[in-house]
Amino acid sequence: MEYQKEFVKQMISMQKTTFDSSFGTMVMLQDQAEKMVKTVLEQAPWITADGRKALDQWVNSFKKGREDFKNSVDEGYQKVEEFFEKFGGK
């Protein structure tokens, strides 16, 4: 039984590591795409100041959603770890 508990803990740890790595990669890609789009839009004469402001708000909204999602996932993993420490024993 102890072996099974340890195996499940290791699986969860591996899943969290995989998620963190994938999430970090996604963040880097999104940030790079944001930089490219901003560079193009800075050179576009047809984008007004209000348009740029709206795009900045949109980007900030996505970033906040991304952070909220990451925090929710981290909280979920924390709860699972606490469960195994409390009920799984050592």
PDB file of N, CA and C in Angstrom:
ATOM      1  N   MET A   1       0.825  -1.193   0.000  1.00  0.00           N
ATOM      2  CA  MET A   1       0.000   0.000   0.000  1.00  0.00           C
ATOM      3  C   MET A   1       0.871   1.260   0.000  1.00  0.00           C
ATOM      4  N   GLU A   2       1.938   1.249   0.756  1.00  0.00           N
ATOM      5  CA  GLU A   2       2.839   2.406   0.809  1.00  0.00           C
ATOM      6  C   GLU A   2       3.448   2.675  -0.562  1.00  0.00           C
ATOM      7  N   TYR A   3       3.769   1.603  -1.279  1.00  0.00           N
ATOM      8  CA  TYR A   3       4.337   1.751  -2.616  1.00  0.00           C
ATOM      9  C   TYR A   3       3.359   2.476  -3.537  1.00  0.00           C
ATOM     10  N   GLN A   4       2.079   2.120  -3.444  1.00  0.00           N
ATOM     11  CA  GLN A   4       1.066   2.749  -4.290  1.00  0.00           C
ATOM     12  C   GLN A   4       0.932   4.243  -3.981  1.00  0.00           C
ATOM     13  N   LYS A   5       0.967   4.589  -2.701  1.00  0.00           N
ATOM     14  CA  LYS A   5       0.869   6.000  -2.315  1.00  0.00           C
ATOM     15  C   LYS A   5       2.052   6.786  -2.868  1.00  0.00           C
ATOM     16  N   GLU A   6       3.237   6.219  -2.742  1.00  0.00           N
ATOM     17  CA  GLU A   6       4.437   6.897  -3.231  1.00  0.00           C
ATOM     18  C   GLU A   6       4.397   7.026  -4.754  1.00  0.00           C
ATOM     19  N   PHE A   7       3.898   5.989  -5.409  1.00  0.00           N
ATOM     20  CA  PHE A   7       3.777   6.020  -6.863  1.00  0.00           C
ATOM     21  C   PHE A   7       2.830   7.139  -7.306  1.00  0.00           C
ATOM     22  N   VAL A   8       1.694   7.265  -6.635  1.00  0.00           N
ATOM     23  CA  VAL A   8       0.724   8.305  -6.973  1.00  0.00           C
ATOM     24  C   VAL A   8       1.327   9.686  -6.718  1.00  0.00           C
ATOM     25  N   LYS A   9       2.042   9.852  -5.609  1.00  0.00           N
ATOM     26  CA  LYS A   9       2.702  11.131  -5.316  1.00  0.00           C
ATOM     27  C   LYS A   9       3.695  11.492  -6.420  1.00  0.00           C
ATOM     28  N   GLN A  10       4.451  10.517  -6.875  1.00  0.00           N
ATOM     29  CA  GLN A  10       5.427  10.765  -7.938  1.00  0.00           C
ATOM     30  C   GLN A  10       4.728  11.118  -9.251  1.00  0.00           C
ATOM     31  N   MET A  11       3.612  10.446  -9.529  1.00  0.00           N
ATOM     32  CA  MET A  11       2.852  10.761 -10.741  1.00  0.00           C
ATOM     33  C   MET A  11       2.337  12.197 -10.699  1.00  0.00           C
ATOM     34  N   ILE A  12       1.812  12.593  -9.561  1.00  0.00           N
ATOM     35  CA  ILE A  12       1.291  13.955  -9.420  1.00  0.00           C
ATOM     36  C   ILE A  12       2.422  14.967  -9.555  1.00  0.00           C
ATOM     37  N   SER A  13       3.553  14.667  -8.950  1.00  0.00           N
ATOM     38  CA  SER A  13       4.715  15.553  -9.054  1.00  0.00           C
ATOM     39  C   SER A  13       5.160  15.691 -10.509  1.00  0.00           C
ATOM     40  N   MET A  14       5.170  14.576 -11.227  1.00  0.00           N
ATOM     41  CA  MET A  14       5.557  14.608 -12.633  1.00  0.00           C
ATOM     42  C   MET A  14       4.554  15.434 -13.447  1.00  0.00           C
ATOM     43  N   GLN A  15       3.263  15.263 -13.160  1.00  0.00           N
ATOM     44  CA  GLN A  15       2.245  16.035 -13.872  1.00  0.00           C
ATOM     45  C   GLN A  15       2.402  17.530 -13.604  1.00  0.00           C
ATOM     46  N   LYS A  16       2.686  17.890 -12.359  1.00  0.00           N
ATOM     47  CA  LYS A  16       2.872  19.308 -12.023  1.00  0.00           C
ATOM     48  C   LYS A  16       4.098  19.868 -12.734  1.00  0.00           C
ATOM     49  N   THR A  17       5.178  19.114 -12.747  1.00  0.00           N
ATOM     50  CA  THR A  17       6.390  19.556 -13.433  1.00  0.00           C
ATOM     51  C   THR A  17       6.126  19.736 -14.924  1.00  0.00           C
ATOM     52  N   THR A  18       5.410  18.791 -15.515  1.00  0.00           N
ATOM     53  CA  THR A  18       5.065  18.875 -16.934  1.00  0.00           C
ATOM     54  C   THR A  18       4.176  20.086 -17.201  1.00  0.00           C
ATOM     55  N   PHE A  19       3.183  20.286 -16.339  1.00  0.00           N
ATOM     56  CA  PHE A  19       2.303  21.449 -16.499  1.00  0.00           C
ATOM     57  C   PHE A  19       3.099  22.741 -16.397  1.00  0.00           C
ATOM     58  N   ASP A  20       3.938  22.853 -15.367  1.00  0.00           N
ATOM     59  CA  ASP A  20       4.724  24.079 -15.174  1.00  0.00           C
ATOM     60  C   ASP A  20       5.614  24.362 -16.377  1.00  0.00           C
ATOM     61  N   SER A  21       6.232  23.322 -16.899  1.00  0.00           N
ATOM     62  CA  SER A  21       7.106  23.489 -18.060  1.00  0.00           C
ATOM     63  C   SER A  21       6.303  23.915 -19.294  1.00  0.00           C
ATOM     64  N   SER A  22       5.199  23.243 -19.533  1.00  0.00           N
ATOM     65  CA  SER A  22       4.351  23.575 -20.686  1.00  0.00           C
ATOM     66  C   SER A  22       3.770  24.975 -20.551  1.00  0.00           C
ATOM     67  N   PHE A  23       3.348  25.320 -19.352  1.00  0.00           N
ATOM     68  CA  PHE A  23       2.779  26.644 -19.121  1.00  0.00           C
ATOM     69  C   PHE A  23       3.835  27.722 -19.349  1.00  0.00           C
ATOM     70  N   GLY A  24       5.037  27.483 -18.856  1.00  0.00           N
ATOM     71  CA  GLY A  24       6.131  28.432 -19.063  1.00  0.00           C
ATOM     72  C   GLY A  24       6.434  28.633 -20.538  1.00  0.00           C
ATOM     73  N   THR A  25       6.411  27.545 -21.294  1.00  0.00           N
ATOM     74  CA  THR A  25       6.638  27.634 -22.738  1.00  0.00           C
ATOM     75  C   THR A  25       5.529  28.435 -23.410  1.00  0.00           C
ATOM     76  N   MET A  26       4.295  28.171 -23.005  1.00  0.00           N
ATOM     77  CA  MET A  26       3.164  28.905 -23.565  1.00  0.00           C
ATOM     78  C   MET A  26       3.282  30.402 -23.263  1.00  0.00           C
ATOM     79  N   VAL A  27       3.677  30.737 -22.043  1.00  0.00           N
ATOM     80  CA  VAL A  27       3.840  32.145 -21.658  1.00  0.00           C
ATOM     81  C   VAL A  27       4.912  32.810 -22.520  1.00  0.00           C
ATOM     82  N   MET A  28       6.021  32.120 -22.726  1.00  0.00           N
ATOM     83  CA  MET A  28       7.088  32.685 -23.560  1.00  0.00           C
ATOM     84  C   MET A  28       6.601  32.927 -24.983  1.00  0.00           C
ATOM     85  N   LEU A  29       5.864  31.964 -25.541  1.00  0.00           N
ATOM     86  CA  LEU A  29       5.339  32.118 -26.900  1.00  0.00           C
ATOM     87  C   LEU A  29       4.342  33.270 -26.984  1.00  0.00           C
ATOM     88  N   GLN A  30       3.457  33.370 -26.006  1.00  0.00           N
ATOM     89  CA  GLN A  30       2.480  34.455 -26.015  1.00  0.00           C
ATOM     90  C   GLN A  30       3.160  35.812 -25.863  1.00  0.00           C
ATOM     91  N   ASP A  31       4.144  35.886 -24.982  1.00  0.00           N
ATOM     92  CA  ASP A  31       4.862  37.150 -24.796  1.00  0.00           C
ATOM     93  C   ASP A  31       5.616  37.550 -26.062  1.00  0.00           C
ATOM     94  N   GLN A  32       6.197  36.574 -26.733  1.00  0.00           N
ATOM     95  CA  GLN A  32       6.913  36.869 -27.976  1.00  0.00           C
ATOM     96  C   GLN A  32       5.939  37.329 -29.059  1.00  0.00           C
ATOM     97  N   ALA A  33       4.789  36.674 -29.142  1.00  0.00           N
ATOM     98  CA  ALA A  33       3.773  37.087 -30.117  1.00  0.00           C
ATOM     99  C   ALA A  33       3.289  38.501 -29.809  1.00  0.00           C
ATOM    100  N   GLU A  34       3.123  38.803 -28.536  1.00  0.00           N
ATOM    101  CA  GLU A  34       2.704  40.154 -28.139  1.00  0.00           C
ATOM    102  C   GLU A  34       3.734  41.194 -28.584  1.00  0.00           C
ATOM    103  N   LYS A  35       5.002  40.900 -28.393  1.00  0.00           N
ATOM    104  CA  LYS A  35       6.058  41.833 -28.807  1.00  0.00           C
ATOM    105  C   LYS A  35       6.035  42.053 -30.315  1.00  0.00           C
ATOM    106  N   MET A  36       5.849  40.965 -31.072  1.00  0.00           N
ATOM    107  CA  MET A  36       5.820  41.093 -32.527  1.00  0.00           C
ATOM    108  C   MET A  36       4.628  41.932 -32.977  1.00  0.00           C
ATOM    109  N   VAL A  37       3.463  41.677 -32.397  1.00  0.00           N
ATOM    110  CA  VAL A  37       2.262  42.425 -32.772  1.00  0.00           C
ATOM    111  C   VAL A  37       2.424  43.900 -32.405  1.00  0.00           C
ATOM    112  N   LYS A  38       2.971  44.168 -31.225  1.00  0.00           N
ATOM    113  CA  LYS A  38       3.173  45.569 -30.828  1.00  0.00           C
ATOM    114  C   LYS A  38       4.130  46.277 -31.778  1.00  0.00           C
ATOM    115  N   THR A  39       5.173  45.581 -32.207  1.00  0.00           N
ATOM    116  CA  THR A  39       6.125  46.177 -33.145  1.00  0.00           C
ATOM    117  C   THR A  39       5.431  46.540 -34.453  1.00  0.00           C
ATOM    118  N   VAL A  40       4.613  45.640 -34.951  1.00  0.00           N
ATOM    119  CA  VAL A  40       3.887  45.902 -36.199  1.00  0.00           C
ATOM    120  C   VAL A  40       2.897  47.050 -36.008  1.00  0.00           C
ATOM    121  N   LEU A  41       2.168  47.024 -34.900  1.00  0.00           N
ATOM    122  CA  LEU A  41       1.150  48.055 -34.676  1.00  0.00           C
ATOM    123  C   LEU A  41       1.751  49.432 -34.424  1.00  0.00           C
ATOM    124  N   GLU A  42       2.942  49.473 -33.854  1.00  0.00           N
ATOM    125  CA  GLU A  42       3.605  50.765 -33.645  1.00  0.00           C
ATOM    126  C   GLU A  42       3.925  51.444 -34.974  1.00  0.00           C
ATOM    127  N   GLN A  43       4.109  50.635 -36.002  1.00  0.00           N
ATOM    128  CA  GLN A  43       4.439  51.172 -37.319  1.00  0.00           C
ATOM    129  C   GLN A  43       3.198  51.389 -38.183  1.00  0.00           C
ATOM    130  N   ALA A  44       2.046  50.995 -37.670  1.00  0.00           N
ATOM    131  CA  ALA A  44       0.803  51.128 -38.441  1.00  0.00           C
ATOM    132  C   ALA A  44       0.184  52.498 -38.173  1.00  0.00           C
ATOM    133  N   PRO A  45       0.129  53.334 -39.197  1.00  0.00           N
ATOM    134  CA  PRO A  45      -0.411  54.687 -38.997  1.00  0.00           C
ATOM    135  C   PRO A  45      -1.923  54.704 -38.758  1.00  0.00           C
ATOM    136  N   TRP A  46      -2.609  53.645 -39.120  1.00  0.00           N
ATOM    137  CA  TRP A  46      -4.056  53.621 -39.005  1.00  0.00           C
ATOM    138  C   TRP A  46      -4.547  53.253 -37.604  1.00  0.00           C
ATOM    139  N   ILE A  47      -3.634  52.868 -36.694  1.00  0.00           N
ATOM    140  CA  ILE A  47      -4.033  52.556 -35.317  1.00  0.00           C
ATOM    141  C   ILE A  47      -4.005  53.853 -34.503  1.00  0.00           C
ATOM    142  N   THR A  48      -5.144  54.196 -33.930  1.00  0.00           N
ATOM    143  CA  THR A  48      -5.231  55.420 -33.125  1.00  0.00           C
ATOM    144  C   THR A  48      -4.751  55.148 -31.699  1.00  0.00           C
ATOM    145  N   ALA A  49      -4.593  56.205 -30.940  1.00  0.00           N
ATOM    146  CA  ALA A  49      -4.190  56.067 -29.533  1.00  0.00           C
ATOM    147  C   ALA A  49      -5.239  55.274 -28.758  1.00  0.00           C
ATOM    148  N   ASP A  50      -6.507  55.520 -29.061  1.00  0.00           N
ATOM    149  CA  ASP A  50      -7.578  54.763 -28.401  1.00  0.00           C
ATOM    150  C   ASP A  50      -7.521  53.288 -28.783  1.00  0.00           C
ATOM    151  N   GLY A  51      -7.190  53.019 -30.036  1.00  0.00           N
ATOM    152  CA  GLY A  51      -7.050  51.634 -30.486  1.00  0.00           C
ATOM    153  C   GLY A  51      -5.914  50.932 -29.767  1.00  0.00           C
ATOM    154  N   ARG A  52      -4.804  51.627 -29.614  1.00  0.00           N
ATOM    155  CA  ARG A  52      -3.661  51.043 -28.892  1.00  0.00           C
ATOM    156  C   ARG A  52      -4.023  50.788 -27.429  1.00  0.00           C
ATOM    157  N   LYS A  53      -4.752  51.733 -26.854  1.00  0.00           N
ATOM    158  CA  LYS A  53      -5.168  51.585 -25.459  1.00  0.00           C
ATOM    159  C   LYS A  53      -6.078  50.362 -25.305  1.00  0.00           C
ATOM    160  N   ALA A  54      -7.007  50.192 -26.237  1.00  0.00           N
ATOM    161  CA  ALA A  54      -7.913  49.039 -26.200  1.00  0.00           C
ATOM    162  C   ALA A  54      -7.131  47.737 -26.336  1.00  0.00           C
ATOM    163  N   LEU A  55      -6.152  47.712 -27.236  1.00  0.00           N
ATOM    164  CA  LEU A  55      -5.337  46.509 -27.406  1.00  0.00           C
ATOM    165  C   LEU A  55      -4.520  46.212 -26.150  1.00  0.00           C
ATOM    166  N   ASP A  56      -3.989  47.250 -25.519  1.00  0.00           N
ATOM    167  CA  ASP A  56      -3.242  47.053 -24.276  1.00  0.00           C
ATOM    168  C   ASP A  56      -4.137  46.489 -23.176  1.00  0.00           C
ATOM    169  N   GLN A  57      -5.365  46.995 -23.095  1.00  0.00           N
ATOM    170  CA  GLN A  57      -6.309  46.475 -22.104  1.00  0.00           C
ATOM    171  C   GLN A  57      -6.647  45.017 -22.390  1.00  0.00           C
ATOM    172  N   TRP A  58      -6.782  44.689 -23.653  1.00  0.00           N
ATOM    173  CA  TRP A  58      -7.080  43.325 -24.069  1.00  0.00           C
ATOM    174  C   TRP A  58      -5.937  42.395 -23.665  1.00  0.00           C
ATOM    175  N   VAL A  59      -4.712  42.815 -23.949  1.00  0.00           N
ATOM    176  CA  VAL A  59      -3.535  42.017 -23.592  1.00  0.00           C
ATOM    177  C   VAL A  59      -3.455  41.843 -22.080  1.00  0.00           C
ATOM    178  N   ASN A  60      -3.677  42.922 -21.341  1.00  0.00           N
ATOM    179  CA  ASN A  60      -3.627  42.839 -19.879  1.00  0.00           C
ATOM    180  C   ASN A  60      -4.700  41.912 -19.329  1.00  0.00           C
ATOM    181  N   SER A  61      -5.867  41.919 -19.966  1.00  0.00           N
ATOM    182  CA  SER A  61      -6.946  41.020 -19.561  1.00  0.00           C
ATOM    183  C   SER A  61      -6.541  39.563 -19.770  1.00  0.00           C
ATOM    184  N   PHE A  62      -5.927  39.268 -20.913  1.00  0.00           N
ATOM    185  CA  PHE A  62      -5.453  37.908 -21.174  1.00  0.00           C
ATOM    186  C   PHE A  62      -4.386  37.492 -20.170  1.00  0.00           C
ATOM    187  N   LYS A  63      -3.473  38.408 -19.862  1.00  0.00           N
ATOM    188  CA  LYS A  63      -2.409  38.091 -18.905  1.00  0.00           C
ATOM    189  C   LYS A  63      -2.982  37.813 -17.519  1.00  0.00           C
ATOM    190  N   LYS A  64      -3.983  38.590 -17.120  1.00  0.00           N
ATOM    191  CA  LYS A  64      -4.603  38.359 -15.822  1.00  0.00           C
ATOM    192  C   LYS A  64      -5.303  37.004 -15.810  1.00  0.00           C
ATOM    193  N   GLY A  65      -6.006  36.686 -16.879  1.00  0.00           N
ATOM    194  CA  GLY A  65      -6.653  35.382 -16.976  1.00  0.00           C
ATOM    195  C   GLY A  65      -5.651  34.248 -16.924  1.00  0.00           C
ATOM    196  N   ARG A  66      -4.525  34.444 -17.579  1.00  0.00           N
ATOM    197  CA  ARG A  66      -3.452  33.445 -17.577  1.00  0.00           C
ATOM    198  C   ARG A  66      -2.908  33.253 -16.164  1.00  0.00           C
ATOM    199  N   GLU A  67      -2.678  34.358 -15.455  1.00  0.00           N
ATOM    200  CA  GLU A  67      -2.181  34.276 -14.078  1.00  0.00           C
ATOM    201  C   GLU A  67      -3.207  33.615 -13.158  1.00  0.00           C
ATOM    202  N   ASP A  68      -4.479  33.981 -13.325  1.00  0.00           N
ATOM    203  CA  ASP A  68      -5.537  33.384 -12.506  1.00  0.00           C
ATOM    204  C   ASP A  68      -5.621  31.879 -12.736  1.00  0.00           C
ATOM    205  N   PHE A  69      -5.514  31.467 -13.994  1.00  0.00           N
ATOM    206  CA  PHE A  69      -5.540  30.041 -14.311  1.00  0.00           C
ATOM    207  C   PHE A  69      -4.371  29.318 -13.652  1.00  0.00           C
ATOM    208  N   LYS A  70      -3.175  29.888 -13.774  1.00  0.00           N
ATOM    209  CA  LYS A  70      -1.980  29.272 -13.174  1.00  0.00           C
ATOM    210  C   LYS A  70      -2.133  29.173 -11.664  1.00  0.00           C
ATOM    211  N   ASN A  71      -2.640  30.235 -11.039  1.00  0.00           N
ATOM    212  CA  ASN A  71      -2.843  30.204  -9.590  1.00  0.00           C
ATOM    213  C   ASN A  71      -3.852  29.137  -9.187  1.00  0.00           C
ATOM    214  N   SER A  72      -4.917  28.979  -9.967  1.00  0.00           N
ATOM    215  CA  SER A  72      -5.920  27.949  -9.675  1.00  0.00           C
ATOM    216  C   SER A  72      -5.324  26.554  -9.773  1.00  0.00           C
ATOM    217  N   VAL A  73      -4.539  26.332 -10.806  1.00  0.00           N
ATOM    218  CA  VAL A  73      -3.906  25.018 -10.969  1.00  0.00           C
ATOM    219  C   VAL A  73      -2.922  24.765  -9.832  1.00  0.00           C
ATOM    220  N   ASP A  74      -2.128  25.770  -9.486  1.00  0.00           N
ATOM    221  CA  ASP A  74      -1.179  25.613  -8.380  1.00  0.00           C
ATOM    222  C   ASP A  74      -1.899  25.312  -7.066  1.00  0.00           C
ATOM    223  N   GLU A  75      -3.021  25.993  -6.826  1.00  0.00           N
ATOM    224  CA  GLU A  75      -3.806  25.725  -5.620  1.00  0.00           C
ATOM    225  C   GLU A  75      -4.334  24.293  -5.624  1.00  0.00           C
ATOM    226  N   GLY A  76      -4.757  23.823  -6.785  1.00  0.00           N
ATOM    227  CA  GLY A  76      -5.235  22.448  -6.894  1.00  0.00           C
ATOM    228  C   GLY A  76      -4.146  21.442  -6.569  1.00  0.00           C
ATOM    229  N   TYR A  77      -2.959  21.654  -7.106  1.00  0.00           N
ATOM    230  CA  TYR A  77      -1.849  20.757  -6.795  1.00  0.00           C
ATOM    231  C   TYR A  77      -1.490  20.831  -5.312  1.00  0.00           C
ATOM    232  N   GLN A  78      -1.559  22.029  -4.738  1.00  0.00           N
ATOM    233  CA  GLN A  78      -1.260  22.188  -3.312  1.00  0.00           C
ATOM    234  C   GLN A  78      -2.256  21.395  -2.465  1.00  0.00           C
ATOM    235  N   LYS A  79      -3.530  21.441  -2.848  1.00  0.00           N
ATOM    236  CA  LYS A  79      -4.555  20.694  -2.112  1.00  0.00           C
ATOM    237  C   LYS A  79      -4.321  19.192  -2.216  1.00  0.00           C
ATOM    238  N   VAL A  80      -3.922  18.737  -3.383  1.00  0.00           N
ATOM    239  CA  VAL A  80      -3.636  17.309  -3.551  1.00  0.00           C
ATOM    240  C   VAL A  80      -2.447  16.909  -2.682  1.00  0.00           C
ATOM    241  N   GLU A  81      -1.405  17.738  -2.670  1.00  0.00           N
ATOM    242  CA  GLU A  81      -0.238  17.444  -1.837  1.00  0.00           C
ATOM    243  C   GLU A  81      -0.615  17.422  -0.359  1.00  0.00           C
ATOM    244  N   GLU A  82      -1.433  18.387   0.071  1.00  0.00           N
ATOM    245  CA  GLU A  82      -1.885  18.424   1.462  1.00  0.00           C
ATOM    246  C   GLU A  82      -2.711  17.188   1.793  1.00  0.00           C
ATOM    247  N   PHE A  83      -3.547  16.758   0.860  1.00  0.00           N
ATOM    248  CA  PHE A  83      -4.346  15.559   1.078  1.00  0.00           C
ATOM    249  C   PHE A  83      -3.447  14.359   1.331  1.00  0.00           C
ATOM    250  N   PHE A  84      -2.433  14.189   0.501  1.00  0.00           N
ATOM    251  CA  PHE A  84      -1.556  13.036   0.661  1.00  0.00           C
ATOM    252  C   PHE A  84      -0.724  13.127   1.933  1.00  0.00           C
ATOM    253  N   GLU A  85      -0.371  14.331   2.344  1.00  0.00           N
ATOM    254  CA  GLU A  85       0.378  14.461   3.588  1.00  0.00           C
ATOM    255  C   GLU A  85      -0.511  14.156   4.784  1.00  0.00           C
ATOM    256  N   LYS A  86      -1.771  14.586   4.704  1.00  0.00           N
ATOM    257  CA  LYS A  86      -2.692  14.395   5.823  1.00  0.00           C
ATOM    258  C   LYS A  86      -3.218  12.963   5.892  1.00  0.00           C
ATOM    259  N   PHE A  87      -3.643  12.435   4.758  1.00  0.00           N
ATOM    260  CA  PHE A  87      -4.282  11.124   4.740  1.00  0.00           C
ATOM    261  C   PHE A  87      -3.403  10.018   4.176  1.00  0.00           C
ATOM    262  N   GLY A  88      -2.432  10.392   3.392  1.00  0.00           N
ATOM    263  CA  GLY A  88      -1.583   9.385   2.767  1.00  0.00           C
ATOM    264  C   GLY A  88      -0.527   8.833   3.694  1.00  0.00           C
ATOM    265  N   GLY A  89      -0.151   9.629   4.661  1.00  0.00           N
ATOM    266  CA  GLY A  89       0.870   9.171   5.593  1.00  0.00           C
ATOM    267  C   GLY A  89       2.223   9.069   4.937  1.00  0.00           C
ATOM    268  N   LYS A  90       3.183   8.742   5.726  1.00  0.00           N
ATOM    269  CA  LYS A  90       4.560   8.557   5.244  1.00  0.00           C
ATOM    270  C   LYS A  90       5.073   7.229   5.661  1.00  0.00           C
TER     271      LYS A  90
END
